[in-house]
């Protein structure tokens, strides 16, 4: 990744990148499998929850000063209630779990090792926060989903190489989708690994 630098920021430092990250999330998550029809207002509001948490992290991929990728994370106790609920129902100690939020990267910068840098930095922050488990969610889509592009490859192989496995927990989250023109309740599956 010769033309990209990786920078990590947290807490209120995130506010400086809010607009760029919001636009990037809308652009990348519009594609399959998320099919997200996001708005700038919603994204800015959502991302402010990261800025409100001192132990949060944005790992930014910058090319020529432009944000071309970002990966987010924060302690599970500061994450969305839908994610907390999945672990709480089994009596897990949420203070020992770090939620790896979303990773988005422009297609022109994929395949150069940035994904590994995203995980390295977030896992380092998770350990710094005292977490013993890192976890994230991926959306569940049917194998024959009509919006699935030809030749689509899920990230499962990459995640497994990083030591993550599906752990059987699931969450429900609704968002506006481009393929249906309205809000849809989506099922998400958790992946995790011990730190």
Protein backbone atom coordinates (compact mmCIF):
# COMPACT_ATOMS: atom_id res chain seq x y z
CA UNK A 1 0.00 0.00 0.00
CA UNK A 2 2.62 2.54 -1.08
CA UNK A 3 0.22 5.46 -1.60
CA UNK A 4 -1.84 4.85 1.55
CA UNK A 5 -1.06 5.74 5.14
CA UNK A 6 -2.89 4.22 8.10
CA UNK A 7 -3.86 6.56 10.94
CA UNK A 8 -5.75 5.66 14.10
CA UNK A 9 -7.85 8.20 15.96
CA UNK A 10 -10.27 7.86 18.86
CA UNK A 11 -12.78 9.68 20.97
CA UNK A 12 -13.35 13.31 20.01
CA UNK A 13 -10.59 13.15 17.37
CA UNK A 14 -13.13 11.22 15.29
CA UNK A 15 -15.22 14.37 14.80
CA UNK A 16 -12.65 15.77 12.32
CA UNK A 17 -13.34 12.86 9.98
CA UNK A 18 -17.10 12.51 10.49
CA UNK A 19 -18.28 13.84 7.11
CA UNK A 20 -15.69 11.93 5.06
CA UNK A 21 -16.37 8.67 6.87
CA UNK A 22 -20.14 9.13 6.59
CA UNK A 23 -19.91 9.63 2.81
CA UNK A 24 -17.57 6.67 2.42
CA UNK A 25 -19.85 4.36 4.41
CA UNK A 26 -22.84 5.35 2.29
CA UNK A 27 -20.89 4.73 -0.93
CA UNK A 28 -19.41 1.34 -0.01
CA UNK A 29 -22.35 -0.10 1.93
CA UNK A 30 -24.67 0.64 -1.00
CA UNK A 31 -23.16 -2.40 -2.73
CA UNK A 32 -23.99 -6.03 -2.07
CA UNK A 33 -24.25 -7.59 0.48
CA UNK A 34 -25.42 -4.64 2.63
CA UNK A 35 -27.47 -2.80 -0.03
CA UNK A 36 -27.69 0.13 2.37
CA UNK A 37 -29.53 3.29 1.33
CA UNK A 38 -28.01 5.58 3.91
CA UNK A 39 -28.37 9.29 4.52
CA UNK A 40 -25.65 11.71 5.54
CA UNK A 41 -27.69 12.88 8.55
CA UNK A 42 -28.20 9.35 9.90
CA UNK A 43 -24.55 8.45 9.36
CA UNK A 44 -23.26 11.55 11.12
CA UNK A 45 -25.55 10.88 14.06
CA UNK A 46 -24.51 7.21 14.25
CA UNK A 47 -20.80 8.01 14.03
CA UNK A 48 -21.06 10.56 16.84
CA UNK A 49 -21.64 7.61 19.20
CA UNK A 50 -18.04 6.59 18.47
CA UNK A 51 -16.80 10.11 19.16
CA UNK A 52 -18.62 10.05 22.51
CA UNK A 53 -16.61 6.99 23.64
CA UNK A 54 -13.02 7.69 24.74
CA UNK A 55 -11.97 4.09 24.01
CA UNK A 56 -13.36 3.99 20.47
CA UNK A 57 -11.16 3.77 17.40
CA UNK A 58 -11.32 4.80 13.76
CA UNK A 59 -8.54 3.24 11.70
CA UNK A 60 -8.30 5.46 8.63
CA UNK A 61 -6.72 4.67 5.28
CA UNK A 62 -5.62 7.98 3.76
CA UNK A 63 -4.44 8.49 0.18
CA UNK A 64 -3.25 11.99 -0.65
CA UNK A 65 -5.13 13.25 2.40
CA UNK A 66 -8.42 11.67 1.26
CA UNK A 67 -10.18 9.03 3.38
CA UNK A 68 -10.33 5.92 1.15
CA UNK A 69 -11.11 3.47 3.93
CA UNK A 70 -12.09 3.26 7.58
CA UNK A 71 -12.55 0.56 10.15
CA UNK A 72 -14.29 1.19 13.46
CA UNK A 73 -14.35 -0.33 16.91
CA UNK A 74 -15.41 0.33 20.49
CA UNK A 75 -15.99 -1.56 23.73
CA UNK A 76 -19.17 -3.66 23.59
CA UNK A 77 -20.61 -1.70 26.53
CA UNK A 78 -20.70 1.36 24.23
CA UNK A 79 -22.02 -0.53 21.17
CA UNK A 80 -25.57 -0.66 19.83
CA UNK A 81 -28.06 -2.39 22.14
CA UNK A 82 -28.87 -4.99 19.46
CA UNK A 83 -25.27 -6.21 19.60
CA UNK A 84 -25.07 -6.14 23.39
CA UNK A 85 -28.30 -8.14 23.66
CA UNK A 86 -26.89 -11.08 21.69
CA UNK A 87 -24.07 -11.54 24.22
CA UNK A 88 -25.99 -10.50 27.33
CA UNK A 89 -28.56 -13.28 26.88
CA UNK A 90 -25.80 -15.83 27.53
CA UNK A 91 -24.46 -14.03 30.57
CA UNK A 92 -21.24 -12.90 28.92
CA UNK A 93 -19.19 -10.19 30.60
CA UNK A 94 -19.62 -7.32 28.13
CA UNK A 95 -16.70 -5.44 29.69
CA UNK A 96 -14.35 -8.08 28.24
CA UNK A 97 -15.72 -7.81 24.68
CA UNK A 98 -14.61 -5.34 22.01
CA UNK A 99 -16.95 -4.75 19.10
CA UNK A 100 -15.25 -4.38 15.74
CA UNK A 101 -17.71 -2.17 13.93
CA UNK A 102 -17.63 -1.77 10.19
CA UNK A 103 -14.84 -1.75 7.65
CA UNK A 104 -15.24 0.05 4.35
CA UNK A 105 -12.62 0.51 1.66
CA UNK A 106 -12.87 1.88 -1.86
CA UNK A 107 -12.48 -0.86 -4.50
CA UNK A 108 -9.36 0.83 -5.94
CA UNK A 109 -7.48 0.18 -2.70
CA UNK A 110 -8.51 -3.41 -1.98
CA UNK A 111 -6.12 -6.33 -2.05
CA UNK A 112 -3.08 -4.37 -0.76
CA UNK A 113 -3.05 -5.41 2.89
CA UNK A 114 -5.18 -2.58 4.26
CA UNK A 115 -7.73 -5.05 5.66
CA UNK A 116 -5.01 -6.64 7.79
CA UNK A 117 -3.92 -3.21 9.06
CA UNK A 118 -7.54 -2.49 9.99
CA UNK A 119 -7.73 -5.66 12.09
CA UNK A 120 -4.25 -5.22 13.62
CA UNK A 121 -5.03 -1.72 14.89
CA UNK A 122 -8.48 -2.58 16.22
CA UNK A 123 -7.26 -5.71 17.99
CA UNK A 124 -4.45 -3.67 19.56
CA UNK A 125 -7.05 -1.18 20.84
CA UNK A 126 -9.22 -4.04 22.13
CA UNK A 127 -6.31 -5.40 24.18
CA UNK A 128 -5.54 -1.90 25.44
CA UNK A 129 -9.15 -1.73 26.69
CA UNK A 130 -8.76 -5.04 28.54
CA UNK A 131 -10.92 -7.08 26.18
CA UNK A 132 -10.36 -10.81 25.86
CA UNK A 133 -12.73 -11.27 22.92
CA UNK A 134 -13.10 -9.37 19.64
CA UNK A 135 -16.32 -9.72 17.68
CA UNK A 136 -18.12 -8.30 14.64
CA UNK A 137 -21.24 -8.97 12.57
CA UNK A 138 -21.86 -9.78 8.94
CA UNK A 139 -25.22 -9.69 7.19
CA UNK A 140 -26.85 -12.98 6.19
CA UNK A 141 -27.90 -13.19 2.53
CA UNK A 142 -29.29 -16.16 0.61
CA UNK A 143 -26.98 -17.83 -1.90
CA UNK A 144 -29.39 -16.91 -4.70
CA UNK A 145 -30.06 -13.31 -3.66
CA UNK A 146 -31.09 -11.37 -6.81
CA UNK A 147 -28.67 -8.51 -6.09
CA UNK A 148 -25.64 -10.77 -5.69
CA UNK A 149 -23.14 -9.80 -8.42
CA UNK A 150 -21.51 -12.34 -10.69
CA UNK A 151 -18.26 -13.63 -9.18
CA UNK A 152 -18.97 -12.22 -5.71
CA UNK A 153 -16.63 -13.59 -3.04
CA UNK A 154 -17.56 -13.21 0.63
CA UNK A 155 -14.88 -12.21 3.15
CA UNK A 156 -15.20 -15.48 5.11
CA UNK A 157 -11.80 -16.83 4.00
CA UNK A 158 -10.04 -13.62 5.02
CA UNK A 159 -11.80 -13.53 8.40
CA UNK A 160 -10.92 -17.17 9.10
CA UNK A 161 -7.25 -16.48 8.28
CA UNK A 162 -7.40 -13.77 10.95
CA UNK A 163 -8.64 -16.39 13.44
CA UNK A 164 -12.32 -15.44 13.45
CA UNK A 165 -15.13 -17.98 13.33
CA UNK A 166 -18.94 -17.68 13.42
CA UNK A 167 -19.93 -18.17 17.06
CA UNK A 168 -23.64 -18.98 16.64
CA UNK A 169 -24.91 -15.63 17.98
CA UNK A 170 -27.21 -13.50 15.84
CA UNK A 171 -28.65 -10.01 15.90
CA UNK A 172 -31.46 -8.24 14.08
CA UNK A 173 -30.98 -4.76 12.65
CA UNK A 174 -33.16 -2.76 10.27
CA UNK A 175 -31.94 -0.37 7.57
CA UNK A 176 -33.15 1.22 4.36
CA UNK A 177 -32.18 -0.94 1.37
CA UNK A 178 -31.59 0.13 -2.22
CA UNK A 179 -33.05 -3.08 -3.66
CA UNK A 180 -36.47 -2.72 -2.02
CA UNK A 181 -36.77 1.05 -1.56
CA UNK A 182 -37.60 0.82 2.13
CA UNK A 183 -36.53 -0.42 5.53
CA UNK A 184 -35.82 -4.12 5.96
CA UNK A 185 -35.09 -6.13 9.10
CA UNK A 186 -31.79 -7.91 8.48
CA UNK A 187 -30.24 -10.86 10.24
CA UNK A 188 -26.59 -10.56 11.23
CA UNK A 189 -24.27 -13.33 12.35
CA UNK A 190 -21.43 -12.74 14.82
CA UNK A 191 -17.84 -13.76 14.21
CA UNK A 192 -15.36 -13.71 17.08
CA UNK A 193 -11.91 -14.68 18.31
CA UNK A 194 -10.09 -14.72 21.61
CA UNK A 195 -7.41 -12.09 22.03
